[in-house]
C-alpha atoms as a PDB file:
ATOM      1  CA  UNK A   1      -3.363  12.259   2.861  1.00  0.00           C
ATOM      2  CA  UNK A   2      -4.916   8.955   1.725  1.00  0.00           C
ATOM      3  CA  UNK A   3      -3.594   5.741   3.257  1.00  0.00           C
ATOM      4  CA  UNK A   4      -2.726   2.705   1.175  1.00  0.00           C
ATOM      5  CA  UNK A   5      -1.883  -0.781   2.386  1.00  0.00           C
ATOM      6  CA  UNK A   6       0.262  -2.909   0.097  1.00  0.00           C
ATOM      7  CA  UNK A   7       0.280  -6.664   0.651  1.00  0.00           C
ATOM      8  CA  UNK A   8       3.366  -8.278  -0.859  1.00  0.00           C
ATOM      9  CA  UNK A   9       4.431 -11.792  -1.780  1.00  0.00           C
ATOM     10  CA  UNK A  10       8.034 -12.577  -2.601  1.00  0.00           C
ATOM     11  CA  UNK A  11       8.781 -13.843  -6.094  1.00  0.00           C
ATOM     12  CA  UNK A  12      11.461 -16.446  -6.798  1.00  0.00           C
ATOM     13  CA  UNK A  13      13.857 -13.555  -7.547  1.00  0.00           C
ATOM     14  CA  UNK A  14      12.908 -11.911  -4.251  1.00  0.00           C
ATOM     15  CA  UNK A  15      13.648 -15.119  -2.374  1.00  0.00           C
ATOM     16  CA  UNK A  16      17.030 -15.511  -4.124  1.00  0.00           C
ATOM     17  CA  UNK A  17      18.035 -11.968  -3.146  1.00  0.00           C
ATOM     18  CA  UNK A  18      16.409 -11.889   0.296  1.00  0.00           C
ATOM     19  CA  UNK A  19      19.574 -10.597   1.965  1.00  0.00           C
ATOM     20  CA  UNK A  20      19.189  -7.352  -0.018  1.00  0.00           C
ATOM     21  CA  UNK A  21      15.542  -6.911   0.998  1.00  0.00           C
ATOM     22  CA  UNK A  22      15.975  -4.495   3.928  1.00  0.00           C
ATOM     23  CA  UNK A  23      18.122  -2.154   1.809  1.00  0.00           C
ATOM     24  CA  UNK A  24      15.504  -2.253  -0.986  1.00  0.00           C
ATOM     25  CA  UNK A  25      12.760  -1.312   1.478  1.00  0.00           C
ATOM     26  CA  UNK A  26      14.796   1.646   2.789  1.00  0.00           C
ATOM     27  CA  UNK A  27      15.550   2.810  -0.752  1.00  0.00           C
ATOM     28  CA  UNK A  28      11.865   2.503  -1.685  1.00  0.00           C
ATOM     29  CA  UNK A  29      10.918   4.631   1.322  1.00  0.00           C
ATOM     30  CA  UNK A  30      13.360   7.342   0.177  1.00  0.00           C
ATOM     31  CA  UNK A  31      11.968   7.297  -3.366  1.00  0.00           C
ATOM     32  CA  UNK A  32       8.433   7.531  -1.998  1.00  0.00           C
ATOM     33  CA  UNK A  33       9.378  10.631  -0.007  1.00  0.00           C
ATOM     34  CA  UNK A  34      10.618  12.224  -3.226  1.00  0.00           C
ATOM     35  CA  UNK A  35       7.080  11.692  -4.596  1.00  0.00           C
ATOM     36  CA  UNK A  36       5.477  13.354  -1.574  1.00  0.00           C
ATOM     37  CA  UNK A  37       4.602  10.060   0.119  1.00  0.00           C
ATOM     38  CA  UNK A  38       5.559   8.496   3.436  1.00  0.00           C
ATOM     39  CA  UNK A  39       5.840   4.843   4.406  1.00  0.00           C
ATOM     40  CA  UNK A  40       4.388   4.822   7.920  1.00  0.00           C
ATOM     41  CA  UNK A  41       4.865   1.118   8.560  1.00  0.00           C
ATOM     42  CA  UNK A  42       6.529  -1.951   7.121  1.00  0.00           C
ATOM     43  CA  UNK A  43       6.016  -5.451   8.493  1.00  0.00           C
ATOM     44  CA  UNK A  44       7.316  -8.929   7.812  1.00  0.00           C
ATOM     45  CA  UNK A  45       4.260 -11.158   8.182  1.00  0.00           C
ATOM     46  CA  UNK A  46       3.436 -14.816   8.599  1.00  0.00           C
ATOM     47  CA  UNK A  47       0.636 -16.178   6.481  1.00  0.00           C
ATOM     48  CA  UNK A  48      -0.488 -15.627   2.912  1.00  0.00           C
ATOM     49  CA  UNK A  49       1.607 -12.461   2.467  1.00  0.00           C
ATOM     50  CA  UNK A  50       5.295 -11.990   3.241  1.00  0.00           C
ATOM     51  CA  UNK A  51       5.242  -8.231   3.867  1.00  0.00           C
ATOM     52  CA  UNK A  52       2.785  -5.416   4.473  1.00  0.00           C
ATOM     53  CA  UNK A  53       3.558  -1.741   3.885  1.00  0.00           C
ATOM     54  CA  UNK A  54       1.344   1.085   5.101  1.00  0.00           C
ATOM     55  CA  UNK A  55       1.855   4.431   3.390  1.00  0.00           C
ATOM     56  CA  UNK A  56       0.399   7.896   3.114  1.00  0.00           C
ATOM     57  CA  UNK A  57       0.308   8.873  -0.550  1.00  0.00           C
ATOM     58  CA  UNK A  58      -1.003  12.104  -2.127  1.00  0.00           C
ATOM     59  CA  UNK A  59      -3.354  10.447  -4.635  1.00  0.00           C
ATOM     60  CA  UNK A  60      -4.272   7.336  -6.588  1.00  0.00           C
ATOM     61  CA  UNK A  61      -1.953   8.226  -9.465  1.00  0.00           C
ATOM     62  CA  UNK A  62       1.140   8.324  -7.232  1.00  0.00           C
ATOM     63  CA  UNK A  63      -0.008   5.157  -5.444  1.00  0.00           C
ATOM     64  CA  UNK A  64      -0.391   3.455  -8.811  1.00  0.00           C
ATOM     65  CA  UNK A  65       3.090   4.538  -9.895  1.00  0.00           C
ATOM     66  CA  UNK A  66       4.589   3.171  -6.679  1.00  0.00           C
ATOM     67  CA  UNK A  67       2.831  -0.169  -7.093  1.00  0.00           C
ATOM     68  CA  UNK A  68       3.843  -0.389 -10.750  1.00  0.00           C
ATOM     69  CA  UNK A  69       7.436   0.145  -9.661  1.00  0.00           C
ATOM     70  CA  UNK A  70       7.223  -2.541  -6.994  1.00  0.00           C
ATOM     71  CA  UNK A  71       5.859  -5.062  -9.467  1.00  0.00           C
ATOM     72  CA  UNK A  72       8.391  -4.059 -12.136  1.00  0.00           C
ATOM     73  CA  UNK A  73      11.178  -4.804  -9.656  1.00  0.00           C
ATOM     74  CA  UNK A  74      10.413  -8.524 -10.019  1.00  0.00           C
ATOM     75  CA  UNK A  75      11.098  -9.053  -6.283  1.00  0.00           C
ATOM     76  CA  UNK A  76       7.479  -8.936  -5.108  1.00  0.00           C
ATOM     77  CA  UNK A  77       3.918  -9.168  -6.368  1.00  0.00           C
ATOM     78  CA  UNK A  78       1.406  -6.873  -4.748  1.00  0.00           C
ATOM     79  CA  UNK A  79      -2.202  -6.449  -3.753  1.00  0.00           C
ATOM     80  CA  UNK A  80      -3.081  -2.846  -2.914  1.00  0.00           C
ATOM     81  CA  UNK A  81      -5.835  -1.616  -0.625  1.00  0.00           C
ATOM     82  CA  UNK A  82      -6.944   1.965  -0.207  1.00  0.00           C
ATOM     83  CA  UNK A  83      -7.770   2.474   3.469  1.00  0.00           C
ATOM     84  CA  UNK A  84     -10.233   4.921   4.980  1.00  0.00           C
ATOM     85  CA  UNK A  85     -10.114   6.535   8.405  1.00  0.00           C
ATOM     86  CA  UNK A  86     -12.962   6.277  10.900  1.00  0.00           C
ATOM     87  CA  UNK A  87     -13.906   9.858  10.027  1.00  0.00           C
ATOM     88  CA  UNK A  88     -14.129   8.973   6.335  1.00  0.00           C
ATOM     89  CA  UNK A  89     -16.128   5.856   7.178  1.00  0.00           C
ATOM     90  CA  UNK A  90     -18.584   7.952   9.182  1.00  0.00           C
ATOM     91  CA  UNK A  91     -19.019  10.345   6.232  1.00  0.00           C
ATOM     92  CA  UNK A  92     -19.673   7.404   3.902  1.00  0.00           C
ATOM     93  CA  UNK A  93     -22.190   5.994   6.352  1.00  0.00           C
ATOM     94  CA  UNK A  94     -24.028   9.326   6.466  1.00  0.00           C
ATOM     95  CA  UNK A  95     -24.181   9.428   2.668  1.00  0.00           C
ATOM     96  CA  UNK A  96     -25.532   5.897   2.663  1.00  0.00           C
ATOM     97  CA  UNK A  97     -28.151   6.685   5.295  1.00  0.00           C
ATOM     98  CA  UNK A  98     -29.189   9.999   3.716  1.00  0.00           C
ATOM     99  CA  UNK A  99     -29.260   8.876   0.091  1.00  0.00           C
ATOM    100  CA  UNK A 100     -28.446   5.315  -0.890  1.00  0.00           C
ATOM    101  CA  UNK A 101     -30.588   3.552   1.706  1.00  0.00           C
ATOM    102  CA  UNK A 102     -33.659   5.380   0.341  1.00  0.00           C
ATOM    103  CA  UNK A 103     -33.123   3.679  -3.021  1.00  0.00           C
ATOM    104  CA  UNK A 104     -33.468   0.218  -1.500  1.00  0.00           C
END
């Protein structure tokens, strides 16, 4: 299943209701499971982003729906990254070597 990394920044509303944050994360994880997804990691971070979530999601459409829901909550703003495994990276590299590099 594809992996997505969601970088999150708290909004003013998210900061005001910070005490409810852990419960919201747990509820989000349950809702994701209902959509065939699984949150494999959640981290409070120091730096530009406040939180990072790593999830396995069936497809881009479900990932998009999850991110739309997060942003609609008004507690966080997100940046989403689709991540690729080493195996997928190797396949992409082979395609580049076999085809794309010949165009250059």
